[in-house]
Amino acid sequence: MESRKRLSADTSAASSSRPAKRVAVETDPVPIHPDPFSYDDLAFLNDFRREAIYRCLVAERRETNRLRERIKQHEVQTLFHDDHVRIIDVWLKQLLEELAVSYGQYNPSQDGKNL
């Protein structure tokens, strides 16, 4: 094993040095291929972008219509709610007037303002 690691004494310095580098020899020049990416191939990309934009537009229209329907529904509910509040207000006023009449504290000139 030591014989492999160490050079023998009879070898010269020239033989123990590294071998000279090889000189590059051009065999065949590297073929230059035309650019495989051309702008003619981008037609499908433009079509895909148009379709994507159209899909987004359709989705936005759908969302807008859904929100408009919700607004209409809330407007109807608001009117329904306002009607209920008015009915409850009138009913409560009538109830208070009946209570005031039954206890003898009702004055028709005040019209329920001191209740």
PDB file of N, CA and C in Angstrom:
ATOM      1  N   MET A   1       0.814  -1.172   0.000  1.00  0.00           N
ATOM      2  CA  MET A   1       0.000   0.000   0.000  1.00  0.00           C
ATOM      3  C   MET A   1       0.865   1.246   0.000  1.00  0.00           C
ATOM      4  N   GLU A   2       1.938   1.214   0.745  1.00  0.00           N
ATOM      5  CA  GLU A   2       2.844   2.358   0.752  1.00  0.00           C
ATOM      6  C   GLU A   2       3.514   2.548  -0.591  1.00  0.00           C
ATOM      7  N   SER A   3       3.705   1.451  -1.301  1.00  0.00           N
ATOM      8  CA  SER A   3       4.338   1.567  -2.613  1.00  0.00           C
ATOM      9  C   SER A   3       3.443   2.326  -3.581  1.00  0.00           C
ATOM     10  N   ARG A   4       2.174   2.251  -3.393  1.00  0.00           N
ATOM     11  CA  ARG A   4       1.278   2.985  -4.278  1.00  0.00           C
ATOM     12  C   ARG A   4       1.260   4.461  -3.940  1.00  0.00           C
ATOM     13  N   LYS A   5       1.388   4.793  -2.692  1.00  0.00           N
ATOM     14  CA  LYS A   5       1.294   6.188  -2.293  1.00  0.00           C
ATOM     15  C   LYS A   5       2.556   6.971  -2.633  1.00  0.00           C
ATOM     16  N   ARG A   6       3.696   6.321  -2.512  1.00  0.00           N
ATOM     17  CA  ARG A   6       4.964   7.026  -2.723  1.00  0.00           C
ATOM     18  C   ARG A   6       5.553   6.650  -4.062  1.00  0.00           C
ATOM     19  N   LEU A   7       6.187   7.655  -4.649  1.00  0.00           N
ATOM     20  CA  LEU A   7       6.856   7.390  -5.921  1.00  0.00           C
ATOM     21  C   LEU A   7       8.201   6.727  -5.642  1.00  0.00           C
ATOM     22  N   SER A   8       8.578   5.911  -6.514  1.00  0.00           N
ATOM     23  CA  SER A   8       9.874   5.280  -6.334  1.00  0.00           C
ATOM     24  C   SER A   8      10.988   6.283  -6.597  1.00  0.00           C
ATOM     25  N   ALA A   9      12.166   6.007  -6.156  1.00  0.00           N
ATOM     26  CA  ALA A   9      13.291   6.936  -6.259  1.00  0.00           C
ATOM     27  C   ALA A   9      13.819   7.044  -7.672  1.00  0.00           C
ATOM     28  N   ASP A  10      13.626   6.044  -8.508  1.00  0.00           N
ATOM     29  CA  ASP A  10      14.182   6.076  -9.856  1.00  0.00           C
ATOM     30  C   ASP A  10      13.305   6.814 -10.861  1.00  0.00           C
ATOM     31  N   THR A  11      12.099   7.231 -10.485  1.00  0.00           N
ATOM     32  CA  THR A  11      11.261   7.971 -11.430  1.00  0.00           C
ATOM     33  C   THR A  11      11.713   9.410 -11.479  1.00  0.00           C
ATOM     34  N   SER A  12      11.685   9.955 -12.624  1.00  0.00           N
ATOM     35  CA  SER A  12      12.141  11.336 -12.791  1.00  0.00           C
ATOM     36  C   SER A  12      11.013  12.312 -12.458  1.00  0.00           C
ATOM     37  N   ALA A  13      11.381  13.553 -12.295  1.00  0.00           N
ATOM     38  CA  ALA A  13      10.413  14.593 -11.966  1.00  0.00           C
ATOM     39  C   ALA A  13       9.455  14.822 -13.121  1.00  0.00           C
ATOM     40  N   ALA A  14       9.894  14.646 -14.343  1.00  0.00           N
ATOM     41  CA  ALA A  14       9.047  14.868 -15.509  1.00  0.00           C
ATOM     42  C   ALA A  14       7.954  13.823 -15.599  1.00  0.00           C
ATOM     43  N   SER A  15       8.296  12.617 -15.256  1.00  0.00           N
ATOM     44  CA  SER A  15       7.278  11.575 -15.371  1.00  0.00           C
ATOM     45  C   SER A  15       6.261  11.652 -14.235  1.00  0.00           C
ATOM     46  N   SER A  16       6.667  12.251 -13.072  1.00  0.00           N
ATOM     47  CA  SER A  16       5.744  12.351 -11.952  1.00  0.00           C
ATOM     48  C   SER A  16       4.826  13.570 -12.040  1.00  0.00           C
ATOM     49  N   SER A  17       5.153  14.478 -12.922  1.00  0.00           N
ATOM     50  CA  SER A  17       4.295  15.658 -13.050  1.00  0.00           C
ATOM     51  C   SER A  17       3.015  15.288 -13.800  1.00  0.00           C
ATOM     52  N   ARG A  18       2.113  16.162 -13.772  1.00  0.00           N
ATOM     53  CA  ARG A  18       0.832  15.923 -14.441  1.00  0.00           C
ATOM     54  C   ARG A  18       1.029  15.838 -15.946  1.00  0.00           C
ATOM     55  N   PRO A  19       0.146  15.108 -16.570  1.00  0.00           N
ATOM     56  CA  PRO A  19       0.235  15.095 -18.032  1.00  0.00           C
ATOM     57  C   PRO A  19      -0.249  16.432 -18.582  1.00  0.00           C
ATOM     58  N   ALA A  20       0.276  16.790 -19.717  1.00  0.00           N
ATOM     59  CA  ALA A  20      -0.110  18.054 -20.344  1.00  0.00           C
ATOM     60  C   ALA A  20      -1.580  18.019 -20.726  1.00  0.00           C
ATOM     61  N   LYS A  21      -2.203  19.180 -20.703  1.00  0.00           N
ATOM     62  CA  LYS A  21      -3.613  19.249 -21.065  1.00  0.00           C
ATOM     63  C   LYS A  21      -3.775  18.968 -22.545  1.00  0.00           C
ATOM     64  N   ARG A  22      -4.917  18.392 -22.832  1.00  0.00           N
ATOM     65  CA  ARG A  22      -5.183  18.115 -24.231  1.00  0.00           C
ATOM     66  C   ARG A  22      -5.582  19.387 -24.945  1.00  0.00           C
ATOM     67  N   VAL A  23      -5.208  19.484 -26.154  1.00  0.00           N
ATOM     68  CA  VAL A  23      -5.579  20.614 -26.980  1.00  0.00           C
ATOM     69  C   VAL A  23      -6.952  20.317 -27.569  1.00  0.00           C
ATOM     70  N   ALA A  24      -7.856  21.312 -27.442  1.00  0.00           N
ATOM     71  CA  ALA A  24      -9.207  21.121 -27.946  1.00  0.00           C
ATOM     72  C   ALA A  24      -9.189  21.060 -29.455  1.00  0.00           C
ATOM     73  N   VAL A  25      -9.833  20.053 -29.962  1.00  0.00           N
ATOM     74  CA  VAL A  25      -9.919  19.876 -31.401  1.00  0.00           C
ATOM     75  C   VAL A  25     -11.384  19.970 -31.781  1.00  0.00           C
ATOM     76  N   GLU A  26     -11.702  20.878 -32.693  1.00  0.00           N
ATOM     77  CA  GLU A  26     -13.082  21.005 -33.128  1.00  0.00           C
ATOM     78  C   GLU A  26     -13.367  19.962 -34.180  1.00  0.00           C
ATOM     79  N   THR A  27     -14.281  19.105 -33.830  1.00  0.00           N
ATOM     80  CA  THR A  27     -14.644  18.085 -34.799  1.00  0.00           C
ATOM     81  C   THR A  27     -15.774  18.601 -35.687  1.00  0.00           C
ATOM     82  N   ASP A  28     -16.906  18.834 -35.099  1.00  0.00           N
ATOM     83  CA  ASP A  28     -18.049  19.383 -35.841  1.00  0.00           C
ATOM     84  C   ASP A  28     -18.500  20.627 -35.110  1.00  0.00           C
ATOM     85  N   PRO A  29     -18.768  21.681 -35.836  1.00  0.00           N
ATOM     86  CA  PRO A  29     -19.279  22.862 -35.135  1.00  0.00           C
ATOM     87  C   PRO A  29     -20.662  22.560 -34.565  1.00  0.00           C
ATOM     88  N   VAL A  30     -20.991  23.232 -33.496  1.00  0.00           N
ATOM     89  CA  VAL A  30     -22.291  23.040 -32.855  1.00  0.00           C
ATOM     90  C   VAL A  30     -23.349  23.567 -33.804  1.00  0.00           C
ATOM     91  N   PRO A  31     -24.309  22.722 -34.135  1.00  0.00           N
ATOM     92  CA  PRO A  31     -25.337  23.196 -35.070  1.00  0.00           C
ATOM     93  C   PRO A  31     -26.209  24.261 -34.403  1.00  0.00           C
ATOM     94  N   ILE A  32     -26.478  25.298 -35.126  1.00  0.00           N
ATOM     95  CA  ILE A  32     -27.330  26.382 -34.628  1.00  0.00           C
ATOM     96  C   ILE A  32     -28.734  26.118 -35.140  1.00  0.00           C
ATOM     97  N   HIS A  33     -29.592  25.830 -34.201  1.00  0.00           N
ATOM     98  CA  HIS A  33     -30.984  25.554 -34.558  1.00  0.00           C
ATOM     99  C   HIS A  33     -31.746  26.863 -34.596  1.00  0.00           C
ATOM    100  N   PRO A  34     -32.690  26.956 -35.477  1.00  0.00           N
ATOM    101  CA  PRO A  34     -33.538  28.151 -35.459  1.00  0.00           C
ATOM    102  C   PRO A  34     -34.336  28.180 -34.162  1.00  0.00           C
ATOM    103  N   ASP A  35     -34.737  29.354 -33.768  1.00  0.00           N
ATOM    104  CA  ASP A  35     -35.463  29.531 -32.514  1.00  0.00           C
ATOM    105  C   ASP A  35     -36.761  28.735 -32.558  1.00  0.00           C
ATOM    106  N   PRO A  36     -36.914  27.733 -31.671  1.00  0.00           N
ATOM    107  CA  PRO A  36     -38.147  26.945 -31.706  1.00  0.00           C
ATOM    108  C   PRO A  36     -39.349  27.733 -31.188  1.00  0.00           C
ATOM    109  N   PHE A  37     -39.102  28.841 -30.546  1.00  0.00           N
ATOM    110  CA  PHE A  37     -40.170  29.663 -30.002  1.00  0.00           C
ATOM    111  C   PHE A  37     -40.430  30.807 -30.957  1.00  0.00           C
ATOM    112  N   SER A  38     -41.507  30.733 -31.669  1.00  0.00           N
ATOM    113  CA  SER A  38     -41.830  31.801 -32.611  1.00  0.00           C
ATOM    114  C   SER A  38     -43.145  32.443 -32.210  1.00  0.00           C
ATOM    115  N   TYR A  39     -43.352  33.614 -32.696  1.00  0.00           N
ATOM    116  CA  TYR A  39     -44.567  34.343 -32.350  1.00  0.00           C
ATOM    117  C   TYR A  39     -45.793  33.788 -33.050  1.00  0.00           C
ATOM    118  N   ASP A  40     -45.592  32.957 -34.045  1.00  0.00           N
ATOM    119  CA  ASP A  40     -46.737  32.306 -34.687  1.00  0.00           C
ATOM    120  C   ASP A  40     -47.387  31.312 -33.729  1.00  0.00           C
ATOM    121  N   ASP A  41     -46.575  30.759 -32.836  1.00  0.00           N
ATOM    122  CA  ASP A  41     -47.106  29.801 -31.880  1.00  0.00           C
ATOM    123  C   ASP A  41     -47.888  30.479 -30.766  1.00  0.00           C
ATOM    124  N   LEU A  42     -47.843  31.794 -30.695  1.00  0.00           N
ATOM    125  CA  LEU A  42     -48.528  32.499 -29.619  1.00  0.00           C
ATOM    126  C   LEU A  42     -50.015  32.691 -29.881  1.00  0.00           C
ATOM    127  N   ALA A  43     -50.499  32.273 -31.008  1.00  0.00           N
ATOM    128  CA  ALA A  43     -51.926  32.434 -31.312  1.00  0.00           C
ATOM    129  C   ALA A  43     -52.772  31.679 -30.286  1.00  0.00           C
ATOM    130  N   PHE A  44     -52.344  30.477 -29.915  1.00  0.00           N
ATOM    131  CA  PHE A  44     -53.098  29.714 -28.918  1.00  0.00           C
ATOM    132  C   PHE A  44     -53.053  30.410 -27.564  1.00  0.00           C
ATOM    133  N   LEU A  45     -51.924  31.067 -27.272  1.00  0.00           N
ATOM    134  CA  LEU A  45     -51.798  31.780 -26.001  1.00  0.00           C
ATOM    135  C   LEU A  45     -52.751  32.975 -25.968  1.00  0.00           C
ATOM    136  N   ASN A  46     -52.838  33.702 -27.068  1.00  0.00           N
ATOM    137  CA  ASN A  46     -53.769  34.833 -27.138  1.00  0.00           C
ATOM    138  C   ASN A  46     -55.212  34.351 -27.034  1.00  0.00           C
ATOM    139  N   ASP A  47     -55.521  33.233 -27.686  1.00  0.00           N
ATOM    140  CA  ASP A  47     -56.871  32.675 -27.582  1.00  0.00           C
ATOM    141  C   ASP A  47     -57.177  32.260 -26.148  1.00  0.00           C
ATOM    142  N   PHE A  48     -56.191  31.644 -25.498  1.00  0.00           N
ATOM    143  CA  PHE A  48     -56.383  31.221 -24.107  1.00  0.00           C
ATOM    144  C   PHE A  48     -56.611  32.440 -23.212  1.00  0.00           C
ATOM    145  N   ARG A  49     -55.848  33.504 -23.428  1.00  0.00           N
ATOM    146  CA  ARG A  49     -56.034  34.731 -22.640  1.00  0.00           C
ATOM    147  C   ARG A  49     -57.420  35.322 -22.868  1.00  0.00           C
ATOM    148  N   ARG A  50     -57.861  35.349 -24.117  1.00  0.00           N
ATOM    149  CA  ARG A  50     -59.197  35.875 -24.409  1.00  0.00           C
ATOM    150  C   ARG A  50     -60.271  35.051 -23.710  1.00  0.00           C
ATOM    151  N   GLU A  51     -60.117  33.735 -23.771  1.00  0.00           N
ATOM    152  CA  GLU A  51     -61.092  32.869 -23.101  1.00  0.00           C
ATOM    153  C   GLU A  51     -61.072  33.079 -21.600  1.00  0.00           C
ATOM    154  N   ALA A  52     -59.886  33.263 -21.033  1.00  0.00           N
ATOM    155  CA  ALA A  52     -59.778  33.492 -19.587  1.00  0.00           C
ATOM    156  C   ALA A  52     -60.442  34.812 -19.211  1.00  0.00           C
ATOM    157  N   ILE A  53     -60.211  35.837 -20.006  1.00  0.00           N
ATOM    158  CA  ILE A  53     -60.843  37.134 -19.746  1.00  0.00           C
ATOM    159  C   ILE A  53     -62.360  37.005 -19.865  1.00  0.00           C
ATOM    160  N   TYR A  54     -62.821  36.270 -20.868  1.00  0.00           N
ATOM    161  CA  TYR A  54     -64.259  36.076 -21.051  1.00  0.00           C
ATOM    162  C   TYR A  54     -64.856  35.313 -19.866  1.00  0.00           C
ATOM    163  N   ARG A  55     -64.157  34.263 -19.399  1.00  0.00           N
ATOM    164  CA  ARG A  55     -64.648  33.514 -18.242  1.00  0.00           C
ATOM    165  C   ARG A  55     -64.734  34.411 -17.014  1.00  0.00           C
ATOM    166  N   CYS A  56     -63.739  35.274 -16.823  1.00  0.00           N
ATOM    167  CA  CYS A  56     -63.782  36.211 -15.687  1.00  0.00           C
ATOM    168  C   CYS A  56     -64.948  37.179 -15.838  1.00  0.00           C
ATOM    169  N   LEU A  57     -65.180  37.653 -17.050  1.00  0.00           N
ATOM    170  CA  LEU A  57     -66.288  38.575 -17.301  1.00  0.00           C
ATOM    171  C   LEU A  57     -67.621  37.902 -17.002  1.00  0.00           C
ATOM    172  N   VAL A  58     -67.787  36.668 -17.441  1.00  0.00           N
ATOM    173  CA  VAL A  58     -69.031  35.934 -17.178  1.00  0.00           C
ATOM    174  C   VAL A  58     -69.215  35.724 -15.674  1.00  0.00           C
ATOM    175  N   ALA A  59     -68.117  35.390 -14.990  1.00  0.00           N
ATOM    176  CA  ALA A  59     -68.208  35.189 -13.539  1.00  0.00           C
ATOM    177  C   ALA A  59     -68.578  36.494 -12.836  1.00  0.00           C
ATOM    178  N   GLU A  60     -68.019  37.612 -13.284  1.00  0.00           N
ATOM    179  CA  GLU A  60     -68.362  38.912 -12.685  1.00  0.00           C
ATOM    180  C   GLU A  60     -69.815  39.268 -12.956  1.00  0.00           C
ATOM    181  N   ARG A  61     -70.301  38.988 -14.159  1.00  0.00           N
ATOM    182  CA  ARG A  61     -71.721  39.248 -14.461  1.00  0.00           C
ATOM    183  C   ARG A  61     -72.627  38.409 -13.560  1.00  0.00           C
ATOM    184  N   ARG A  62     -72.251  37.147 -13.400  1.00  0.00           N
ATOM    185  CA  ARG A  62     -73.041  36.262 -12.546  1.00  0.00           C
ATOM    186  C   ARG A  62     -73.060  36.785 -11.112  1.00  0.00           C
ATOM    187  N   GLU A  63     -71.906  37.201 -10.621  1.00  0.00           N
ATOM    188  CA  GLU A  63     -71.824  37.741  -9.260  1.00  0.00           C
ATOM    189  C   GLU A  63     -72.627  39.031  -9.139  1.00  0.00           C
ATOM    190  N   THR A  64     -72.551  39.892 -10.151  1.00  0.00           N
ATOM    191  CA  THR A  64     -73.313  41.144 -10.139  1.00  0.00           C
ATOM    192  C   THR A  64     -74.809  40.863 -10.109  1.00  0.00           C
ATOM    193  N   ASN A  65     -75.261  39.933 -10.936  1.00  0.00           N
ATOM    194  CA  ASN A  65     -76.695  39.587 -10.938  1.00  0.00           C
ATOM    195  C   ASN A  65     -77.123  39.005  -9.601  1.00  0.00           C
ATOM    196  N   ARG A  66     -76.268  38.171  -9.018  1.00  0.00           N
ATOM    197  CA  ARG A  66     -76.591  37.594  -7.711  1.00  0.00           C
ATOM    198  C   ARG A  66     -76.701  38.687  -6.652  1.00  0.00           C
ATOM    199  N   LEU A  67     -75.789  39.645  -6.683  1.00  0.00           N
ATOM    200  CA  LEU A  67     -75.831  40.736  -5.706  1.00  0.00           C
ATOM    201  C   LEU A  67     -77.043  41.644  -5.931  1.00  0.00           C
ATOM    202  N   ARG A  68     -77.403  41.861  -7.195  1.00  0.00           N
ATOM    203  CA  ARG A  68     -78.601  42.664  -7.472  1.00  0.00           C
ATOM    204  C   ARG A  68     -79.850  41.970  -6.942  1.00  0.00           C
ATOM    205  N   GLU A  69     -79.926  40.655  -7.114  1.00  0.00           N
ATOM    206  CA  GLU A  69     -81.060  39.911  -6.578  1.00  0.00           C
ATOM    207  C   GLU A  69     -81.105  40.001  -5.055  1.00  0.00           C
ATOM    208  N   ARG A  70     -79.949  39.929  -4.420  1.00  0.00           N
ATOM    209  CA  ARG A  70     -79.915  40.054  -2.961  1.00  0.00           C
ATOM    210  C   ARG A  70     -80.351  41.447  -2.524  1.00  0.00           C
ATOM    211  N   ILE A  71     -79.965  42.477  -3.283  1.00  0.00           N
ATOM    212  CA  ILE A  71     -80.386  43.844  -2.954  1.00  0.00           C
ATOM    213  C   ILE A  71     -81.907  43.958  -3.065  1.00  0.00           C
ATOM    214  N   LYS A  72     -82.475  43.410  -4.151  1.00  0.00           N
ATOM    215  CA  LYS A  72     -83.940  43.437  -4.299  1.00  0.00           C
ATOM    216  C   LYS A  72     -84.611  42.711  -3.142  1.00  0.00           C
ATOM    217  N   GLN A  73     -84.058  41.567  -2.778  1.00  0.00           N
ATOM    218  CA  GLN A  73     -84.633  40.798  -1.676  1.00  0.00           C
ATOM    219  C   GLN A  73     -84.553  41.583  -0.366  1.00  0.00           C
ATOM    220  N   HIS A  74     -83.443  42.253  -0.126  1.00  0.00           N
ATOM    221  CA  HIS A  74     -83.309  43.049   1.094  1.00  0.00           C
ATOM    222  C   HIS A  74     -84.242  44.260   1.083  1.00  0.00           C
ATOM    223  N   GLU A  75     -84.453  44.850  -0.093  1.00  0.00           N
ATOM    224  CA  GLU A  75     -85.400  45.967  -0.173  1.00  0.00           C
ATOM    225  C   GLU A  75     -86.806  45.504   0.175  1.00  0.00           C
ATOM    226  N   VAL A  76     -87.206  44.333  -0.338  1.00  0.00           N
ATOM    227  CA  VAL A  76     -88.530  43.793  -0.017  1.00  0.00           C
ATOM    228  C   VAL A  76     -88.632  43.503   1.470  1.00  0.00           C
ATOM    229  N   GLN A  77     -87.581  42.904   2.023  1.00  0.00           N
ATOM    230  CA  GLN A  77     -87.580  42.607   3.460  1.00  0.00           C
ATOM    231  C   GLN A  77     -87.617  43.887   4.286  1.00  0.00           C
ATOM    232  N   THR A  78     -86.951  44.936   3.807  1.00  0.00           N
ATOM    233  CA  THR A  78     -86.958  46.206   4.525  1.00  0.00           C
ATOM    234  C   THR A  78     -88.360  46.807   4.535  1.00  0.00           C
ATOM    235  N   LEU A  79     -89.028  46.780   3.381  1.00  0.00           N
ATOM    236  CA  LEU A  79     -90.401  47.282   3.336  1.00  0.00           C
ATOM    237  C   LEU A  79     -91.306  46.456   4.247  1.00  0.00           C
ATOM    238  N   PHE A  80     -91.152  45.160   4.223  1.00  0.00           N
ATOM    239  CA  PHE A  80     -91.933  44.273   5.071  1.00  0.00           C
ATOM    240  C   PHE A  80     -91.665  44.582   6.543  1.00  0.00           C
ATOM    241  N   HIS A  81     -90.399  44.777   6.866  1.00  0.00           N
ATOM    242  CA  HIS A  81     -90.008  45.100   8.245  1.00  0.00           C
ATOM    243  C   HIS A  81     -90.586  46.452   8.672  1.00  0.00           C
ATOM    244  N   ASP A  82     -90.481  47.464   7.785  1.00  0.00           N
ATOM    245  CA  ASP A  82     -91.020  48.789   8.108  1.00  0.00           C
ATOM    246  C   ASP A  82     -92.531  48.723   8.337  1.00  0.00           C
ATOM    247  N   ASP A  83     -93.234  47.943   7.513  1.00  0.00           N
ATOM    248  CA  ASP A  83     -94.675  47.774   7.705  1.00  0.00           C
ATOM    249  C   ASP A  83     -94.976  47.132   9.059  1.00  0.00           C
ATOM    250  N   HIS A  84     -94.199  46.129   9.417  1.00  0.00           N
ATOM    251  CA  HIS A  84     -94.396  45.498  10.713  1.00  0.00           C
ATOM    252  C   HIS A  84     -94.153  46.471  11.862  1.00  0.00           C
ATOM    253  N   VAL A  85     -93.111  47.279  11.732  1.00  0.00           N
ATOM    254  CA  VAL A  85     -92.814  48.245  12.796  1.00  0.00           C
ATOM    255  C   VAL A  85     -93.958  49.249  12.928  1.00  0.00           C
ATOM    256  N   ARG A  86     -94.496  49.718  11.797  1.00  0.00           N
ATOM    257  CA  ARG A  86     -95.625  50.650  11.849  1.00  0.00           C
ATOM    258  C   ARG A  86     -96.851  49.997  12.490  1.00  0.00           C
ATOM    259  N   ILE A  87     -97.136  48.761  12.113  1.00  0.00           N
ATOM    260  CA  ILE A  87     -98.294  48.054  12.675  1.00  0.00           C
ATOM    261  C   ILE A  87     -98.110  47.858  14.175  1.00  0.00           C
ATOM    262  N   ILE A  88     -96.919  47.462  14.588  1.00  0.00           N
ATOM    263  CA  ILE A  88     -96.660  47.265  16.026  1.00  0.00           C
ATOM    264  C   ILE A  88     -96.762  48.588  16.766  1.00  0.00           C
ATOM    265  N   ASP A  89     -96.284  49.669  16.147  1.00  0.00           N
ATOM    266  CA  ASP A  89     -96.366  50.989  16.774  1.00  0.00           C
ATOM    267  C   ASP A  89     -97.820  51.401  16.977  1.00  0.00           C
ATOM    268  N   VAL A  90     -98.648  51.222  15.947  1.00  0.00           N
ATOM    269  CA  VAL A  90    -100.071  51.558  16.061  1.00  0.00           C
ATOM    270  C   VAL A  90    -100.742  50.674  17.107  1.00  0.00           C
ATOM    271  N   TRP A  91    -100.433  49.380  17.097  1.00  0.00           N
ATOM    272  CA  TRP A  91    -101.016  48.456  18.068  1.00  0.00           C
ATOM    273  C   TRP A  91    -100.621  48.822  19.496  1.00  0.00           C
ATOM    274  N   LEU A  92     -99.362  49.182  19.690  1.00  0.00           N
ATOM    275  CA  LEU A  92     -98.897  49.565  21.023  1.00  0.00           C
ATOM    276  C   LEU A  92     -99.571  50.866  21.473  1.00  0.00           C
ATOM    277  N   LYS A  93     -99.735  51.806  20.551  1.00  0.00           N
ATOM    278  CA  LYS A  93    -100.414  53.055  20.893  1.00  0.00           C
ATOM    279  C   LYS A  93    -101.863  52.781  21.292  1.00  0.00           C
ATOM    280  N   GLN A  94    -102.543  51.914  20.548  1.00  0.00           N
ATOM    281  CA  GLN A  94    -103.922  51.562  20.892  1.00  0.00           C
ATOM    282  C   GLN A  94    -103.993  50.848  22.243  1.00  0.00           C
ATOM    283  N   LEU A  95    -103.045  49.985  22.505  1.00  0.00           N
ATOM    284  CA  LEU A  95    -103.022  49.278  23.776  1.00  0.00           C
ATOM    285  C   LEU A  95    -102.836  50.253  24.931  1.00  0.00           C
ATOM    286  N   LEU A  96    -101.933  51.200  24.776  1.00  0.00           N
ATOM    287  CA  LEU A  96    -101.709  52.187  25.831  1.00  0.00           C
ATOM    288  C   LEU A  96    -102.932  53.072  26.043  1.00  0.00           C
ATOM    289  N   GLU A  97    -103.611  53.429  24.940  1.00  0.00           N
ATOM    290  CA  GLU A  97    -104.832  54.222  25.080  1.00  0.00           C
ATOM    291  C   GLU A  97    -105.919  53.439  25.803  1.00  0.00           C
ATOM    292  N   GLU A  98    -106.061  52.154  25.479  1.00  0.00           N
ATOM    293  CA  GLU A  98    -107.056  51.334  26.163  1.00  0.00           C
ATOM    294  C   GLU A  98    -106.735  51.182  27.645  1.00  0.00           C
ATOM    295  N   LEU A  99    -105.452  51.037  27.952  1.00  0.00           N
ATOM    296  CA  LEU A  99    -105.062  50.960  29.367  1.00  0.00           C
ATOM    297  C   LEU A  99    -105.346  52.274  30.085  1.00  0.00           C
ATOM    298  N   ALA A 100    -105.078  53.389  29.406  1.00  0.00           N
ATOM    299  CA  ALA A 100    -105.329  54.687  30.021  1.00  0.00           C
ATOM    300  C   ALA A 100    -106.820  54.900  30.222  1.00  0.00           C
ATOM    301  N   VAL A 101    -107.653  54.442  29.266  1.00  0.00           N
ATOM    302  CA  VAL A 101    -109.093  54.569  29.403  1.00  0.00           C
ATOM    303  C   VAL A 101    -109.586  53.691  30.553  1.00  0.00           C
ATOM    304  N   SER A 102    -109.068  52.494  30.638  1.00  0.00           N
ATOM    305  CA  SER A 102    -109.532  51.584  31.688  1.00  0.00           C
ATOM    306  C   SER A 102    -109.140  52.068  33.084  1.00  0.00           C
ATOM    307  N   TYR A 103    -108.064  52.797  33.203  1.00  0.00           N
ATOM    308  CA  TYR A 103    -107.666  53.328  34.508  1.00  0.00           C
ATOM    309  C   TYR A 103    -108.155  54.756  34.717  1.00  0.00           C
ATOM    310  N   GLY A 104    -108.856  55.322  33.767  1.00  0.00           N
ATOM    311  CA  GLY A 104    -109.470  56.628  33.904  1.00  0.00           C
ATOM    312  C   GLY A 104    -108.499  57.787  33.756  1.00  0.00           C
ATOM    313  N   GLN A 105    -107.355  57.568  33.146  1.00  0.00           N
ATOM    314  CA  GLN A 105    -106.381  58.649  32.990  1.00  0.00           C
ATOM    315  C   GLN A 105    -106.294  59.130  31.548  1.00  0.00           C
ATOM    316  N   TYR A 106    -107.244  58.760  30.727  1.00  0.00           N
ATOM    317  CA  TYR A 106    -107.179  59.131  29.318  1.00  0.00           C
ATOM    318  C   TYR A 106    -107.801  60.488  29.107  1.00  0.00           C
ATOM    319  N   ASN A 107    -107.072  61.374  28.422  1.00  0.00           N
ATOM    320  CA  ASN A 107    -107.567  62.695  28.069  1.00  0.00           C
ATOM    321  C   ASN A 107    -107.513  62.785  26.550  1.00  0.00           C
ATOM    322  N   PRO A 108    -108.675  62.855  25.866  1.00  0.00           N
ATOM    323  CA  PRO A 108    -108.665  62.863  24.395  1.00  0.00           C
ATOM    324  C   PRO A 108    -107.955  64.072  23.808  1.00  0.00           C
ATOM    325  N   SER A 109    -107.808  65.158  24.530  1.00  0.00           N
ATOM    326  CA  SER A 109    -107.132  66.342  23.982  1.00  0.00           C
ATOM    327  C   SER A 109    -105.620  66.129  23.902  1.00  0.00           C
ATOM    328  N   GLN A 110    -105.070  65.298  24.786  1.00  0.00           N
ATOM    329  CA  GLN A 110    -103.631  65.057  24.758  1.00  0.00           C
ATOM    330  C   GLN A 110    -103.269  64.039  23.660  1.00  0.00           C
ATOM    331  N   ASP A 111    -104.226  63.214  23.314  1.00  0.00           N
ATOM    332  CA  ASP A 111    -104.061  62.242  22.230  1.00  0.00           C
ATOM    333  C   ASP A 111    -102.904  61.289  22.479  1.00  0.00           C
ATOM    334  N   GLY A 112    -102.731  60.889  23.732  1.00  0.00           N
ATOM    335  CA  GLY A 112    -101.731  59.894  24.080  1.00  0.00           C
ATOM    336  C   GLY A 112    -100.319  60.405  24.188  1.00  0.00           C
ATOM    337  N   LYS A 113    -100.120  61.726  24.362  1.00  0.00           N
ATOM    338  CA  LYS A 113     -98.760  62.261  24.419  1.00  0.00           C
ATOM    339  C   LYS A 113     -98.117  62.114  25.796  1.00  0.00           C
ATOM    340  N   ASN A 114     -98.907  62.043  26.846  1.00  0.00           N
ATOM    341  CA  ASN A 114     -98.366  61.930  28.196  1.00  0.00           C
ATOM    342  C   ASN A 114     -98.302  60.507  28.689  1.00  0.00           C
ATOM    343  N   LEU A 115     -98.437  59.581  27.857  1.00  0.00           N
ATOM    344  CA  LEU A 115     -98.427  58.186  28.286  1.00  0.00           C
ATOM    345  C   LEU A 115     -97.036  57.682  28.481  1.00  0.00           C
TER     346      LEU A 115
END
